[in-house]
Amino acid sequence: MRTYIGRQQAISAEDFAELALGTPLELWLGVEGETHEERAARLDAARDILADDPDLPDHLIRMAAQAIEEHPDLFDVIPLARPVRRRRPAAKGVAA
């Protein structure tokens, strides 16, 4: 099943979110290892976007709810199996 936002195909959940938002996810979530200055600039840009469209958060919540309803498989979480720790049997014997 293919999902399109406008004329762009969303291949992954990240693509879907980015196309729906109209901005890269990194703008909202940040990136690992960003400097204090980069973080400040990113948050400033995000504030400008929210100031331009004060209804954006409500619109995004509606889109997220619709995406979850239409594509619940995108959000399936599969718990990873924990490795079984094997205990070594205690050595039985006499210490020399």
N, C-alpha and C. Protein backbone atom coordinates (compact mmCIF):
# COMPACT_ATOMS: atom_id res chain seq x y z
N MET A 1 0.84 -1.16 0.00
CA MET A 1 0.00 0.00 0.00
C MET A 1 0.90 1.24 0.00
N ARG A 2 0.61 2.18 -0.85
CA ARG A 2 1.41 3.40 -0.95
C ARG A 2 0.63 4.56 -0.33
N THR A 3 1.38 5.43 0.32
CA THR A 3 0.79 6.60 0.94
C THR A 3 1.42 7.84 0.33
N TYR A 4 0.58 8.78 -0.07
CA TYR A 4 1.05 10.01 -0.68
C TYR A 4 0.57 11.20 0.14
N ILE A 5 1.45 12.16 0.29
CA ILE A 5 1.11 13.45 0.86
C ILE A 5 1.32 14.44 -0.27
N GLY A 6 0.23 14.98 -0.79
CA GLY A 6 0.35 15.81 -1.99
C GLY A 6 0.80 14.91 -3.13
N ARG A 7 1.90 15.27 -3.76
CA ARG A 7 2.43 14.45 -4.86
C ARG A 7 3.62 13.61 -4.44
N GLN A 8 3.99 13.69 -3.17
CA GLN A 8 5.16 12.98 -2.68
C GLN A 8 4.76 11.67 -2.00
N GLN A 9 5.48 10.62 -2.28
CA GLN A 9 5.22 9.33 -1.65
C GLN A 9 5.95 9.25 -0.32
N ALA A 10 5.21 8.83 0.70
CA ALA A 10 5.82 8.62 2.02
C ALA A 10 6.18 7.14 2.12
N ILE A 11 7.47 6.87 2.17
CA ILE A 11 7.94 5.48 2.20
C ILE A 11 8.03 4.97 3.63
N SER A 12 8.41 5.83 4.54
CA SER A 12 8.56 5.43 5.94
C SER A 12 7.71 6.33 6.83
N ALA A 13 7.62 5.97 8.09
CA ALA A 13 6.89 6.80 9.04
C ALA A 13 7.55 8.18 9.15
N GLU A 14 8.88 8.23 9.06
CA GLU A 14 9.58 9.51 9.11
C GLU A 14 9.23 10.38 7.90
N ASP A 15 9.17 9.76 6.72
CA ASP A 15 8.77 10.50 5.52
C ASP A 15 7.37 11.05 5.67
N PHE A 16 6.48 10.22 6.19
CA PHE A 16 5.08 10.63 6.37
C PHE A 16 5.01 11.85 7.27
N ALA A 17 5.70 11.81 8.39
CA ALA A 17 5.67 12.93 9.34
C ALA A 17 6.29 14.18 8.72
N GLU A 18 7.42 14.02 8.03
CA GLU A 18 8.09 15.17 7.43
C GLU A 18 7.23 15.82 6.35
N LEU A 19 6.61 15.00 5.51
CA LEU A 19 5.77 15.54 4.45
C LEU A 19 4.51 16.19 5.03
N ALA A 20 3.96 15.59 6.07
CA ALA A 20 2.77 16.16 6.70
C ALA A 20 3.09 17.48 7.39
N LEU A 21 4.24 17.55 8.04
CA LEU A 21 4.62 18.77 8.74
C LEU A 21 5.07 19.87 7.79
N GLY A 22 5.68 19.45 6.70
CA GLY A 22 6.26 20.43 5.78
C GLY A 22 7.62 20.90 6.22
N THR A 23 8.16 20.29 7.26
CA THR A 23 9.50 20.63 7.77
C THR A 23 10.20 19.33 8.14
N PRO A 24 11.52 19.35 8.15
CA PRO A 24 12.24 18.15 8.58
C PRO A 24 11.98 17.86 10.05
N LEU A 25 11.92 16.59 10.40
CA LEU A 25 11.69 16.19 11.80
C LEU A 25 12.78 16.72 12.72
N GLU A 26 13.99 16.84 12.20
CA GLU A 26 15.11 17.31 13.02
C GLU A 26 14.85 18.71 13.58
N LEU A 27 14.03 19.51 12.87
CA LEU A 27 13.71 20.84 13.37
C LEU A 27 12.99 20.75 14.71
N TRP A 28 12.13 19.76 14.86
CA TRP A 28 11.33 19.64 16.08
C TRP A 28 12.00 18.75 17.12
N LEU A 29 12.74 17.75 16.65
CA LEU A 29 13.31 16.77 17.58
C LEU A 29 14.77 17.02 17.91
N GLY A 30 15.45 17.77 17.06
CA GLY A 30 16.87 17.99 17.27
C GLY A 30 17.69 16.85 16.72
N VAL A 31 19.00 17.00 16.81
CA VAL A 31 19.91 15.95 16.37
C VAL A 31 20.91 15.68 17.47
N GLU A 32 21.40 14.48 17.48
CA GLU A 32 22.37 14.10 18.50
C GLU A 32 23.66 14.90 18.31
N GLY A 33 24.17 15.42 19.40
CA GLY A 33 25.44 16.12 19.35
C GLY A 33 25.35 17.56 18.89
N GLU A 34 24.15 18.14 18.82
CA GLU A 34 24.06 19.52 18.38
C GLU A 34 24.62 20.46 19.46
N THR A 35 25.22 21.53 19.01
CA THR A 35 25.80 22.49 19.95
C THR A 35 24.69 23.34 20.56
N HIS A 36 25.04 24.09 21.59
CA HIS A 36 24.08 24.99 22.23
C HIS A 36 23.57 26.03 21.23
N GLU A 37 24.46 26.54 20.38
CA GLU A 37 24.07 27.54 19.39
C GLU A 37 23.14 26.93 18.34
N GLU A 38 23.44 25.71 17.90
CA GLU A 38 22.57 25.04 16.93
C GLU A 38 21.19 24.78 17.50
N ARG A 39 21.16 24.36 18.77
CA ARG A 39 19.87 24.10 19.42
C ARG A 39 19.07 25.39 19.54
N ALA A 40 19.71 26.48 19.94
CA ALA A 40 19.03 27.77 20.06
C ALA A 40 18.47 28.23 18.71
N ALA A 41 19.24 28.07 17.64
CA ALA A 41 18.78 28.45 16.30
C ALA A 41 17.62 27.58 15.86
N ARG A 42 17.70 26.29 16.15
CA ARG A 42 16.63 25.36 15.77
C ARG A 42 15.33 25.71 16.49
N LEU A 43 15.43 25.96 17.80
CA LEU A 43 14.24 26.31 18.57
C LEU A 43 13.66 27.65 18.15
N ASP A 44 14.52 28.58 17.77
CA ASP A 44 14.07 29.88 17.28
C ASP A 44 13.29 29.72 15.97
N ALA A 45 13.80 28.88 15.08
CA ALA A 45 13.10 28.63 13.81
C ALA A 45 11.76 27.94 14.07
N ALA A 46 11.73 27.01 15.00
CA ALA A 46 10.48 26.33 15.32
C ALA A 46 9.46 27.31 15.90
N ARG A 47 9.92 28.22 16.76
CA ARG A 47 9.02 29.24 17.32
C ARG A 47 8.45 30.13 16.22
N ASP A 48 9.28 30.49 15.24
CA ASP A 48 8.81 31.32 14.12
C ASP A 48 7.72 30.59 13.33
N ILE A 49 7.92 29.30 13.11
CA ILE A 49 6.92 28.52 12.37
C ILE A 49 5.61 28.47 13.14
N LEU A 50 5.70 28.24 14.45
CA LEU A 50 4.48 28.19 15.27
C LEU A 50 3.81 29.56 15.34
N ALA A 51 4.60 30.63 15.34
CA ALA A 51 4.03 31.97 15.37
C ALA A 51 3.29 32.29 14.07
N ASP A 52 3.80 31.79 12.95
CA ASP A 52 3.15 32.02 11.66
C ASP A 52 1.83 31.28 11.54
N ASP A 53 1.71 30.14 12.22
CA ASP A 53 0.49 29.33 12.14
C ASP A 53 0.13 28.83 13.54
N PRO A 54 -0.59 29.63 14.34
CA PRO A 54 -0.90 29.22 15.71
C PRO A 54 -1.79 27.98 15.78
N ASP A 55 -2.47 27.63 14.69
CA ASP A 55 -3.32 26.44 14.68
C ASP A 55 -2.54 25.18 14.31
N LEU A 56 -1.24 25.32 14.05
CA LEU A 56 -0.44 24.17 13.63
C LEU A 56 -0.48 23.02 14.63
N PRO A 57 -0.32 23.24 15.95
CA PRO A 57 -0.36 22.09 16.87
C PRO A 57 -1.67 21.32 16.79
N ASP A 58 -2.80 22.02 16.72
CA ASP A 58 -4.09 21.34 16.62
C ASP A 58 -4.20 20.56 15.32
N HIS A 59 -3.71 21.16 14.25
CA HIS A 59 -3.73 20.49 12.95
C HIS A 59 -2.86 19.23 12.98
N LEU A 60 -1.70 19.32 13.60
CA LEU A 60 -0.79 18.17 13.67
C LEU A 60 -1.39 17.05 14.51
N ILE A 61 -2.06 17.39 15.59
CA ILE A 61 -2.70 16.36 16.43
C ILE A 61 -3.77 15.64 15.65
N ARG A 62 -4.57 16.39 14.89
CA ARG A 62 -5.61 15.75 14.06
C ARG A 62 -4.98 14.83 13.02
N MET A 63 -3.88 15.31 12.38
CA MET A 63 -3.22 14.48 11.37
C MET A 63 -2.63 13.22 11.99
N ALA A 64 -2.03 13.35 13.16
CA ALA A 64 -1.45 12.18 13.83
C ALA A 64 -2.54 11.17 14.18
N ALA A 65 -3.67 11.65 14.69
CA ALA A 65 -4.78 10.75 15.02
C ALA A 65 -5.31 10.05 13.78
N GLN A 66 -5.40 10.79 12.69
CA GLN A 66 -5.87 10.20 11.43
C GLN A 66 -4.86 9.16 10.92
N ALA A 67 -3.58 9.47 11.01
CA ALA A 67 -2.55 8.52 10.55
C ALA A 67 -2.58 7.24 11.37
N ILE A 68 -2.74 7.38 12.68
CA ILE A 68 -2.80 6.20 13.54
C ILE A 68 -4.03 5.37 13.21
N GLU A 69 -5.13 6.03 12.95
CA GLU A 69 -6.37 5.32 12.62
C GLU A 69 -6.26 4.60 11.28
N GLU A 70 -5.69 5.27 10.29
CA GLU A 70 -5.61 4.70 8.94
C GLU A 70 -4.47 3.71 8.77
N HIS A 71 -3.37 3.90 9.53
CA HIS A 71 -2.19 3.05 9.37
C HIS A 71 -1.66 2.59 10.72
N PRO A 72 -2.42 1.81 11.46
CA PRO A 72 -1.95 1.41 12.80
C PRO A 72 -0.67 0.59 12.75
N ASP A 73 -0.41 -0.07 11.63
CA ASP A 73 0.80 -0.88 11.52
C ASP A 73 2.08 -0.05 11.54
N LEU A 74 1.99 1.25 11.22
CA LEU A 74 3.18 2.10 11.29
C LEU A 74 3.68 2.25 12.72
N PHE A 75 2.79 2.04 13.67
CA PHE A 75 3.12 2.30 15.06
C PHE A 75 3.20 1.03 15.88
N ASP A 76 3.22 -0.12 15.22
CA ASP A 76 3.35 -1.37 15.96
C ASP A 76 4.72 -1.42 16.63
N VAL A 77 4.71 -1.78 17.86
CA VAL A 77 5.95 -1.91 18.60
C VAL A 77 6.11 -3.37 18.95
N ILE A 78 7.23 -3.92 18.58
CA ILE A 78 7.50 -5.33 18.86
C ILE A 78 8.56 -5.38 19.94
N PRO A 79 8.21 -5.93 21.08
CA PRO A 79 9.23 -6.00 22.14
C PRO A 79 10.36 -6.95 21.73
N LEU A 80 11.55 -6.51 22.01
CA LEU A 80 12.70 -7.34 21.71
C LEU A 80 12.88 -8.37 22.81
N ALA A 81 13.25 -9.56 22.41
CA ALA A 81 13.49 -10.61 23.40
C ALA A 81 14.77 -10.30 24.15
N ARG A 82 14.69 -10.45 25.44
CA ARG A 82 15.89 -10.24 26.24
C ARG A 82 16.74 -11.50 26.20
N PRO A 83 18.03 -11.34 26.09
CA PRO A 83 18.88 -12.53 26.07
C PRO A 83 18.81 -13.22 27.44
N VAL A 84 18.78 -14.52 27.39
CA VAL A 84 18.72 -15.30 28.61
C VAL A 84 20.13 -15.40 29.18
N ARG A 85 20.25 -15.03 30.43
CA ARG A 85 21.55 -15.14 31.09
C ARG A 85 21.66 -16.54 31.66
N ARG A 86 22.66 -17.18 31.26
CA ARG A 86 22.88 -18.54 31.76
C ARG A 86 23.86 -18.49 32.90
N ARG A 87 23.49 -19.13 33.95
CA ARG A 87 24.37 -19.17 35.11
C ARG A 87 25.26 -20.40 35.01
N ARG A 88 26.48 -20.17 35.35
CA ARG A 88 27.40 -21.31 35.37
C ARG A 88 27.16 -22.08 36.65
N PRO A 89 27.15 -23.36 36.54
CA PRO A 89 27.02 -24.14 37.77
C PRO A 89 28.24 -23.91 38.67
N ALA A 90 27.99 -23.82 39.93
CA ALA A 90 29.09 -23.62 40.88
C ALA A 90 30.03 -24.83 40.82
N ALA A 91 31.29 -24.52 40.81
CA ALA A 91 32.28 -25.60 40.78
C ALA A 91 32.28 -26.32 42.12
N LYS A 92 32.10 -27.59 42.05
CA LYS A 92 32.09 -28.38 43.27
C LYS A 92 33.44 -29.07 43.39
N GLY A 93 34.06 -28.84 44.46
CA GLY A 93 35.35 -29.46 44.66
C GLY A 93 36.01 -28.87 45.89
N VAL A 94 37.12 -29.37 46.18
CA VAL A 94 37.86 -28.94 47.35
C VAL A 94 38.93 -27.97 46.90
N ALA A 95 39.01 -26.85 47.61
CA ALA A 95 40.05 -25.89 47.30
C ALA A 95 41.39 -26.42 47.79
N ALA A 96 42.41 -26.22 47.00
CA ALA A 96 43.71 -26.76 47.39
C ALA A 96 44.44 -25.90 48.36
